[in-house]
Amino acid sequence: MGAMTYSRPSANLFPAPKEPAQRRRIRAVLTIVVGGAALALGAGAIGQARSLNMLDQLESGAWELRDRGAGAVANNVCIRGGRDLIQLHHPGMTCKSVVVEDTPAEVVVQYTCAGQGYGRTRIRRETNALIQIDTQGIANGQPYSYAGEGRRTGGCRN
């Protein structure tokens, strides 16, 4: 067999157009494509109000949050509404949030609490008194991750 030779690709895979008119046409097309994409994305975001209605339908009161897996630990919390479940590791803090997903059965919210940490919470509703929750982030300078099931157990005890 003979020796194989490889041709080296040129340093510039996308050479610049040689004519100024061609450059202007390419720039105009790129501007239209990028501008149109930005407009479409912006219109989609404006047209989709993120209301978190599913969380508003969850029953207030005492909830038992139980870890998934062997040796499951249960924690009891008292919530005024489903939105309290978003910031389990940052309760009562004023945080900025972004709704990533908002459907009738599931929400995903990312939030940042200035100087206090951040989190990402996914809540899936099975009924208005039974949910699956996954949350992770940073609180008090430490990472956390929680996956569990939440069940409403009744009214809050004062």
N, C-alpha and C. Protein backbone atom coordinates (compact mmCIF):
# COMPACT_ATOMS: atom_id res chain seq x y z
N MET A 1 0.84 -1.19 0.00
CA MET A 1 0.00 0.00 0.00
C MET A 1 0.87 1.24 0.00
N GLY A 2 0.39 2.25 -0.66
CA GLY A 2 1.12 3.50 -0.70
C GLY A 2 0.82 4.36 0.51
N ALA A 3 1.61 5.37 0.70
CA ALA A 3 1.41 6.28 1.84
C ALA A 3 0.17 7.13 1.61
N MET A 4 -0.57 7.34 2.68
CA MET A 4 -1.78 8.16 2.59
C MET A 4 -1.39 9.61 2.83
N THR A 5 -1.96 10.48 2.08
CA THR A 5 -1.70 11.90 2.29
C THR A 5 -3.00 12.60 2.63
N TYR A 6 -2.89 13.54 3.51
CA TYR A 6 -4.05 14.32 3.91
C TYR A 6 -3.83 15.75 3.50
N SER A 7 -4.87 16.34 2.97
CA SER A 7 -4.75 17.76 2.65
C SER A 7 -5.19 18.55 3.87
N ARG A 8 -4.44 19.53 4.20
CA ARG A 8 -4.73 20.38 5.36
C ARG A 8 -5.79 21.40 4.98
N PRO A 9 -6.83 21.54 5.82
CA PRO A 9 -7.85 22.54 5.48
C PRO A 9 -7.26 23.94 5.56
N SER A 10 -7.82 24.82 4.76
CA SER A 10 -7.33 26.19 4.80
C SER A 10 -7.65 26.79 6.17
N ALA A 11 -6.86 27.76 6.58
CA ALA A 11 -7.03 28.38 7.90
C ALA A 11 -8.38 29.05 8.03
N ASN A 12 -8.92 29.56 6.95
CA ASN A 12 -10.19 30.26 7.00
C ASN A 12 -11.25 29.42 6.30
N LEU A 13 -12.07 28.71 7.05
CA LEU A 13 -13.09 27.86 6.46
C LEU A 13 -14.22 28.65 5.83
N PHE A 14 -14.42 29.88 6.28
CA PHE A 14 -15.47 30.74 5.75
C PHE A 14 -14.84 32.03 5.26
N PRO A 15 -14.27 32.02 4.07
CA PRO A 15 -13.59 33.22 3.59
C PRO A 15 -14.57 34.38 3.42
N ALA A 16 -14.08 35.56 3.65
CA ALA A 16 -14.90 36.77 3.52
C ALA A 16 -15.25 36.97 2.05
N PRO A 17 -16.45 37.47 1.78
CA PRO A 17 -16.84 37.77 0.40
C PRO A 17 -15.89 38.81 -0.19
N LYS A 18 -15.63 38.68 -1.47
CA LYS A 18 -14.68 39.57 -2.12
C LYS A 18 -15.30 40.90 -2.54
N GLU A 19 -16.61 40.93 -2.73
CA GLU A 19 -17.26 42.14 -3.20
C GLU A 19 -18.00 42.82 -2.06
N PRO A 20 -17.87 44.15 -1.93
CA PRO A 20 -18.59 44.88 -0.89
C PRO A 20 -20.11 44.71 -1.00
N ALA A 21 -20.66 44.62 -2.18
CA ALA A 21 -22.11 44.45 -2.34
C ALA A 21 -22.55 43.10 -1.77
N GLN A 22 -21.74 42.09 -1.98
CA GLN A 22 -22.05 40.76 -1.46
C GLN A 22 -22.02 40.79 0.07
N ARG A 23 -21.09 41.50 0.65
CA ARG A 23 -21.02 41.64 2.11
C ARG A 23 -22.28 42.32 2.65
N ARG A 24 -22.73 43.36 1.98
CA ARG A 24 -23.93 44.07 2.43
C ARG A 24 -25.15 43.17 2.38
N ARG A 25 -25.27 42.37 1.31
CA ARG A 25 -26.39 41.44 1.21
C ARG A 25 -26.36 40.41 2.32
N ILE A 26 -25.20 39.84 2.61
CA ILE A 26 -25.06 38.85 3.68
C ILE A 26 -25.39 39.48 5.03
N ARG A 27 -24.88 40.69 5.27
CA ARG A 27 -25.16 41.38 6.52
C ARG A 27 -26.66 41.66 6.67
N ALA A 28 -27.31 42.06 5.59
CA ALA A 28 -28.75 42.34 5.63
C ALA A 28 -29.54 41.06 5.92
N VAL A 29 -29.17 39.96 5.27
CA VAL A 29 -29.87 38.69 5.51
C VAL A 29 -29.67 38.25 6.95
N LEU A 30 -28.45 38.32 7.46
CA LEU A 30 -28.18 37.94 8.85
C LEU A 30 -28.96 38.81 9.82
N THR A 31 -29.03 40.10 9.55
CA THR A 31 -29.78 41.01 10.41
C THR A 31 -31.25 40.64 10.45
N ILE A 32 -31.81 40.31 9.29
CA ILE A 32 -33.22 39.91 9.23
C ILE A 32 -33.45 38.60 9.97
N VAL A 33 -32.55 37.63 9.77
CA VAL A 33 -32.71 36.33 10.43
C VAL A 33 -32.59 36.46 11.94
N VAL A 34 -31.55 37.14 12.40
CA VAL A 34 -31.35 37.30 13.84
C VAL A 34 -32.46 38.15 14.45
N GLY A 35 -32.81 39.23 13.80
CA GLY A 35 -33.88 40.09 14.31
C GLY A 35 -35.21 39.37 14.35
N GLY A 36 -35.51 38.59 13.31
CA GLY A 36 -36.76 37.83 13.29
C GLY A 36 -36.81 36.78 14.38
N ALA A 37 -35.67 36.11 14.62
CA ALA A 37 -35.62 35.11 15.69
C ALA A 37 -35.83 35.77 17.05
N ALA A 38 -35.19 36.91 17.27
CA ALA A 38 -35.34 37.61 18.54
C ALA A 38 -36.79 38.08 18.73
N LEU A 39 -37.39 38.56 17.67
CA LEU A 39 -38.78 39.00 17.74
C LEU A 39 -39.71 37.83 18.04
N ALA A 40 -39.47 36.70 17.40
CA ALA A 40 -40.31 35.51 17.63
C ALA A 40 -40.16 35.03 19.06
N LEU A 41 -38.93 35.00 19.57
CA LEU A 41 -38.72 34.57 20.95
C LEU A 41 -39.37 35.54 21.93
N GLY A 42 -39.24 36.82 21.67
CA GLY A 42 -39.85 37.82 22.54
C GLY A 42 -41.36 37.73 22.51
N ALA A 43 -41.94 37.54 21.36
CA ALA A 43 -43.39 37.43 21.26
C ALA A 43 -43.89 36.19 21.98
N GLY A 44 -43.12 35.11 21.89
CA GLY A 44 -43.51 33.89 22.59
C GLY A 44 -43.51 34.10 24.08
N ALA A 45 -42.51 34.80 24.59
CA ALA A 45 -42.44 35.03 26.03
C ALA A 45 -43.56 35.95 26.49
N ILE A 46 -43.89 36.96 25.68
CA ILE A 46 -44.95 37.89 26.06
C ILE A 46 -46.30 37.19 25.99
N GLY A 47 -46.48 36.35 24.96
CA GLY A 47 -47.77 35.70 24.76
C GLY A 47 -48.06 34.61 25.77
N GLN A 48 -47.04 34.13 26.50
CA GLN A 48 -47.24 33.05 27.45
C GLN A 48 -47.12 33.58 28.87
N ALA A 49 -48.22 34.01 29.43
CA ALA A 49 -48.21 34.49 30.81
C ALA A 49 -47.93 33.30 31.73
N ARG A 50 -46.99 33.47 32.62
CA ARG A 50 -46.59 32.41 33.54
C ARG A 50 -47.28 32.67 34.87
N SER A 51 -48.39 31.98 35.10
CA SER A 51 -49.22 32.32 36.25
C SER A 51 -49.08 31.38 37.44
N LEU A 52 -48.51 30.19 37.26
CA LEU A 52 -48.36 29.21 38.33
C LEU A 52 -49.71 28.84 38.95
N ASN A 53 -50.75 28.76 38.12
CA ASN A 53 -52.09 28.40 38.61
C ASN A 53 -52.12 27.08 39.35
N MET A 54 -51.31 26.12 38.89
CA MET A 54 -51.31 24.82 39.55
C MET A 54 -50.98 24.95 41.02
N LEU A 55 -50.00 25.78 41.36
CA LEU A 55 -49.61 25.95 42.76
C LEU A 55 -50.74 26.60 43.57
N ASP A 56 -51.49 27.48 42.94
CA ASP A 56 -52.60 28.15 43.63
C ASP A 56 -53.74 27.18 43.94
N GLN A 57 -53.79 26.06 43.25
CA GLN A 57 -54.84 25.07 43.49
C GLN A 57 -54.49 24.09 44.62
N LEU A 58 -53.23 24.05 45.03
CA LEU A 58 -52.84 23.16 46.12
C LEU A 58 -53.45 23.67 47.42
N GLU A 59 -53.85 22.74 48.28
CA GLU A 59 -54.51 23.10 49.53
C GLU A 59 -53.52 23.65 50.54
N SER A 60 -53.91 24.72 51.22
CA SER A 60 -53.07 25.26 52.29
C SER A 60 -53.20 24.37 53.51
N GLY A 61 -52.29 24.55 54.47
CA GLY A 61 -52.36 23.79 55.71
C GLY A 61 -51.07 23.05 55.99
N ALA A 62 -51.18 21.99 56.79
CA ALA A 62 -50.02 21.19 57.17
C ALA A 62 -49.73 20.16 56.08
N TRP A 63 -48.47 20.07 55.72
CA TRP A 63 -48.01 19.12 54.71
C TRP A 63 -46.88 18.30 55.30
N GLU A 64 -46.85 17.03 54.96
CA GLU A 64 -45.73 16.17 55.32
C GLU A 64 -44.90 15.97 54.06
N LEU A 65 -43.64 16.33 54.13
CA LEU A 65 -42.72 16.12 53.02
C LEU A 65 -41.82 14.95 53.39
N ARG A 66 -41.90 13.89 52.60
CA ARG A 66 -41.16 12.66 52.90
C ARG A 66 -40.13 12.40 51.80
N ASP A 67 -38.87 12.22 52.21
CA ASP A 67 -37.80 11.89 51.26
C ASP A 67 -38.15 10.62 50.50
N ARG A 68 -37.64 10.53 49.28
CA ARG A 68 -37.78 9.29 48.52
C ARG A 68 -36.66 8.34 48.93
N GLY A 69 -36.90 7.07 48.82
CA GLY A 69 -35.86 6.08 49.05
C GLY A 69 -35.87 5.47 50.43
N ALA A 70 -34.90 4.58 50.66
CA ALA A 70 -34.79 3.86 51.93
C ALA A 70 -34.45 4.84 53.06
N GLY A 71 -34.97 4.57 54.23
CA GLY A 71 -34.70 5.43 55.39
C GLY A 71 -35.30 6.81 55.24
N ALA A 72 -36.44 6.88 54.59
CA ALA A 72 -37.09 8.17 54.30
C ALA A 72 -37.37 8.95 55.58
N VAL A 73 -37.03 10.21 55.54
CA VAL A 73 -37.27 11.12 56.66
C VAL A 73 -38.45 12.01 56.30
N ALA A 74 -39.33 12.23 57.27
CA ALA A 74 -40.49 13.09 57.03
C ALA A 74 -40.30 14.42 57.76
N ASN A 75 -40.66 15.50 57.09
CA ASN A 75 -40.65 16.84 57.67
C ASN A 75 -42.04 17.42 57.52
N ASN A 76 -42.50 18.12 58.54
CA ASN A 76 -43.81 18.76 58.49
C ASN A 76 -43.64 20.25 58.31
N VAL A 77 -44.41 20.81 57.38
CA VAL A 77 -44.39 22.24 57.12
C VAL A 77 -45.82 22.75 57.07
N CYS A 78 -45.99 24.00 57.40
CA CYS A 78 -47.28 24.65 57.31
C CYS A 78 -47.18 25.68 56.19
N ILE A 79 -48.05 25.56 55.18
CA ILE A 79 -47.99 26.49 54.05
C ILE A 79 -49.30 27.25 53.90
N ARG A 80 -49.16 28.50 53.46
CA ARG A 80 -50.33 29.33 53.16
C ARG A 80 -50.88 29.00 51.78
N GLY A 81 -50.01 28.48 50.92
CA GLY A 81 -50.38 28.13 49.56
C GLY A 81 -49.23 27.40 48.89
N GLY A 82 -49.49 26.85 47.72
CA GLY A 82 -48.49 26.06 47.01
C GLY A 82 -47.22 26.81 46.66
N ARG A 83 -47.30 28.12 46.52
CA ARG A 83 -46.11 28.89 46.17
C ARG A 83 -45.06 28.84 47.28
N ASP A 84 -45.48 28.57 48.51
CA ASP A 84 -44.53 28.44 49.62
C ASP A 84 -43.58 27.27 49.40
N LEU A 85 -43.98 26.30 48.60
CA LEU A 85 -43.16 25.11 48.36
C LEU A 85 -41.99 25.38 47.42
N ILE A 86 -42.02 26.49 46.71
CA ILE A 86 -40.94 26.80 45.77
C ILE A 86 -39.63 27.03 46.52
N GLN A 87 -39.66 27.78 47.60
CA GLN A 87 -38.45 28.18 48.31
C GLN A 87 -38.35 27.48 49.67
N LEU A 88 -38.38 26.18 49.68
CA LEU A 88 -38.31 25.45 50.95
C LEU A 88 -37.02 25.74 51.72
N HIS A 89 -35.94 25.96 51.01
CA HIS A 89 -34.65 26.22 51.67
C HIS A 89 -34.35 27.70 51.82
N HIS A 90 -35.25 28.55 51.37
CA HIS A 90 -35.11 30.01 51.50
C HIS A 90 -36.46 30.60 51.93
N PRO A 91 -37.07 30.07 52.99
CA PRO A 91 -38.42 30.51 53.35
C PRO A 91 -38.46 31.98 53.77
N GLY A 92 -39.47 32.67 53.30
CA GLY A 92 -39.70 34.06 53.69
C GLY A 92 -38.75 35.07 53.07
N MET A 93 -37.76 34.63 52.28
CA MET A 93 -36.81 35.56 51.66
C MET A 93 -37.41 36.14 50.39
N THR A 94 -37.02 37.37 50.11
CA THR A 94 -37.43 38.00 48.86
C THR A 94 -36.42 37.62 47.80
N CYS A 95 -36.87 36.85 46.84
CA CYS A 95 -35.98 36.33 45.80
C CYS A 95 -36.56 36.64 44.43
N LYS A 96 -35.69 36.73 43.45
CA LYS A 96 -36.12 36.91 42.06
C LYS A 96 -36.26 35.53 41.46
N SER A 97 -37.38 35.32 40.75
CA SER A 97 -37.61 33.99 40.19
C SER A 97 -37.91 34.06 38.70
N VAL A 98 -37.64 32.93 38.04
CA VAL A 98 -37.94 32.75 36.63
C VAL A 98 -38.72 31.46 36.50
N VAL A 99 -39.87 31.53 35.87
CA VAL A 99 -40.67 30.33 35.65
C VAL A 99 -40.14 29.65 34.40
N VAL A 100 -39.63 28.44 34.57
CA VAL A 100 -39.07 27.68 33.46
C VAL A 100 -40.15 26.87 32.76
N GLU A 101 -41.06 26.29 33.55
CA GLU A 101 -42.16 25.50 33.00
C GLU A 101 -43.40 25.74 33.85
N ASP A 102 -44.53 25.83 33.19
CA ASP A 102 -45.79 26.09 33.90
C ASP A 102 -46.91 25.39 33.14
N THR A 103 -47.28 24.19 33.61
CA THR A 103 -48.37 23.44 33.00
C THR A 103 -49.40 23.15 34.07
N PRO A 104 -50.56 22.64 33.71
CA PRO A 104 -51.57 22.33 34.73
C PRO A 104 -51.13 21.26 35.73
N ALA A 105 -50.14 20.45 35.39
CA ALA A 105 -49.71 19.38 36.28
C ALA A 105 -48.31 19.58 36.86
N GLU A 106 -47.53 20.52 36.32
CA GLU A 106 -46.14 20.64 36.76
C GLU A 106 -45.62 22.06 36.59
N VAL A 107 -44.79 22.50 37.54
CA VAL A 107 -44.11 23.78 37.41
C VAL A 107 -42.64 23.57 37.74
N VAL A 108 -41.81 24.38 37.09
CA VAL A 108 -40.38 24.43 37.39
C VAL A 108 -40.03 25.90 37.53
N VAL A 109 -39.43 26.26 38.67
CA VAL A 109 -39.07 27.65 38.95
C VAL A 109 -37.62 27.71 39.40
N GLN A 110 -36.88 28.64 38.83
CA GLN A 110 -35.52 28.93 39.30
C GLN A 110 -35.58 30.26 40.01
N TYR A 111 -34.85 30.39 41.11
CA TYR A 111 -34.87 31.65 41.84
C TYR A 111 -33.49 31.96 42.41
N THR A 112 -33.27 33.25 42.65
CA THR A 112 -32.01 33.73 43.23
C THR A 112 -32.35 34.68 44.36
N CYS A 113 -31.74 34.45 45.51
CA CYS A 113 -31.91 35.30 46.68
C CYS A 113 -30.59 36.03 46.89
N ALA A 114 -30.55 37.32 46.58
CA ALA A 114 -29.32 38.10 46.59
C ALA A 114 -28.50 37.85 47.86
N GLY A 115 -27.30 37.34 47.68
CA GLY A 115 -26.38 37.11 48.79
C GLY A 115 -26.75 35.95 49.69
N GLN A 116 -27.85 35.27 49.40
CA GLN A 116 -28.32 34.19 50.27
C GLN A 116 -28.35 32.82 49.58
N GLY A 117 -28.17 32.79 48.27
CA GLY A 117 -28.19 31.53 47.55
C GLY A 117 -29.22 31.52 46.44
N TYR A 118 -29.48 30.33 45.95
CA TYR A 118 -30.42 30.17 44.84
C TYR A 118 -30.96 28.76 44.84
N GLY A 119 -31.96 28.52 43.98
CA GLY A 119 -32.53 27.20 43.88
C GLY A 119 -33.29 26.99 42.60
N ARG A 120 -33.58 25.73 42.35
CA ARG A 120 -34.42 25.32 41.22
C ARG A 120 -35.36 24.26 41.77
N THR A 121 -36.65 24.50 41.65
CA THR A 121 -37.65 23.60 42.21
C THR A 121 -38.61 23.12 41.13
N ARG A 122 -38.85 21.83 41.14
CA ARG A 122 -39.82 21.21 40.24
C ARG A 122 -40.90 20.58 41.11
N ILE A 123 -42.15 20.95 40.85
CA ILE A 123 -43.28 20.40 41.60
C ILE A 123 -44.26 19.80 40.61
N ARG A 124 -44.59 18.52 40.82
CA ARG A 124 -45.57 17.83 39.98
C ARG A 124 -46.78 17.47 40.84
N ARG A 125 -47.93 17.89 40.41
CA ARG A 125 -49.16 17.65 41.17
C ARG A 125 -49.81 16.34 40.72
N GLU A 126 -50.10 15.50 41.71
CA GLU A 126 -50.90 14.30 41.46
C GLU A 126 -52.35 14.59 41.82
N THR A 127 -52.57 15.23 42.97
CA THR A 127 -53.88 15.76 43.36
C THR A 127 -53.60 17.08 44.05
N ASN A 128 -54.64 17.78 44.49
CA ASN A 128 -54.42 19.05 45.20
C ASN A 128 -53.88 18.85 46.60
N ALA A 129 -53.75 17.59 47.02
CA ALA A 129 -53.19 17.29 48.34
C ALA A 129 -52.04 16.29 48.27
N LEU A 130 -51.52 16.04 47.06
CA LEU A 130 -50.41 15.11 46.87
C LEU A 130 -49.52 15.60 45.74
N ILE A 131 -48.24 15.79 46.03
CA ILE A 131 -47.29 16.31 45.04
C ILE A 131 -45.98 15.53 45.09
N GLN A 132 -45.22 15.65 44.02
CA GLN A 132 -43.83 15.20 43.98
C GLN A 132 -42.99 16.46 43.84
N ILE A 133 -41.93 16.56 44.61
CA ILE A 133 -41.11 17.78 44.60
C ILE A 133 -39.63 17.43 44.53
N ASP A 134 -38.94 18.15 43.68
CA ASP A 134 -37.49 18.05 43.55
C ASP A 134 -36.95 19.46 43.62
N THR A 135 -35.98 19.67 44.48
CA THR A 135 -35.39 21.00 44.59
C THR A 135 -33.90 20.86 44.89
N GLN A 136 -33.13 21.78 44.36
CA GLN A 136 -31.69 21.79 44.62
C GLN A 136 -31.18 23.20 44.47
N GLY A 137 -30.04 23.47 45.10
CA GLY A 137 -29.45 24.80 45.01
C GLY A 137 -28.41 25.00 46.08
N ILE A 138 -28.25 26.26 46.49
CA ILE A 138 -27.29 26.66 47.51
C ILE A 138 -28.04 27.47 48.56
N ALA A 139 -27.88 27.08 49.84
CA ALA A 139 -28.46 27.83 50.96
C ALA A 139 -27.42 27.88 52.07
N ASN A 140 -27.25 29.05 52.66
CA ASN A 140 -26.24 29.24 53.72
C ASN A 140 -24.85 28.78 53.27
N GLY A 141 -24.54 29.02 52.01
CA GLY A 141 -23.23 28.67 51.47
C GLY A 141 -23.02 27.19 51.22
N GLN A 142 -24.05 26.38 51.40
CA GLN A 142 -23.93 24.93 51.24
C GLN A 142 -24.90 24.42 50.18
N PRO A 143 -24.47 23.45 49.38
CA PRO A 143 -25.39 22.87 48.40
C PRO A 143 -26.44 22.00 49.08
N TYR A 144 -27.61 21.94 48.49
CA TYR A 144 -28.67 21.05 48.98
C TYR A 144 -29.35 20.40 47.78
N SER A 145 -29.93 19.27 48.03
CA SER A 145 -30.72 18.57 47.03
C SER A 145 -31.77 17.76 47.78
N TYR A 146 -33.00 17.87 47.35
CA TYR A 146 -34.10 17.18 48.01
C TYR A 146 -35.04 16.64 46.95
N ALA A 147 -35.44 15.38 47.11
CA ALA A 147 -36.44 14.77 46.25
C ALA A 147 -37.41 14.04 47.17
N GLY A 148 -38.68 14.37 47.07
CA GLY A 148 -39.64 13.72 47.95
C GLY A 148 -41.07 13.88 47.50
N GLU A 149 -41.94 13.39 48.37
CA GLU A 149 -43.37 13.45 48.14
C GLU A 149 -43.99 14.32 49.22
N GLY A 150 -44.96 15.13 48.84
CA GLY A 150 -45.66 15.96 49.79
C GLY A 150 -47.13 15.57 49.87
N ARG A 151 -47.61 15.42 51.10
CA ARG A 151 -49.03 15.10 51.33
C ARG A 151 -49.60 16.08 52.33
N ARG A 152 -50.77 16.60 52.01
CA ARG A 152 -51.45 17.48 52.98
C ARG A 152 -52.00 16.59 54.07
N THR A 153 -51.75 16.98 55.32
CA THR A 153 -52.17 16.16 56.46
C THR A 153 -53.27 16.81 57.29
N GLY A 154 -53.66 18.04 56.97
CA GLY A 154 -54.71 18.70 57.71
C GLY A 154 -54.41 20.18 57.88
N GLY A 155 -55.03 20.76 58.88
CA GLY A 155 -54.81 22.17 59.16
C GLY A 155 -53.51 22.37 59.94
N CYS A 156 -52.99 23.57 59.90
CA CYS A 156 -51.76 23.89 60.63
C CYS A 156 -52.06 23.97 62.13
N ARG A 157 -51.12 23.52 62.92
CA ARG A 157 -51.24 23.65 64.37
C ARG A 157 -50.45 24.86 64.80
N ASN A 158 -51.06 25.70 65.57
CA ASN A 158 -50.38 26.94 65.99
C ASN A 158 -49.49 26.71 67.13
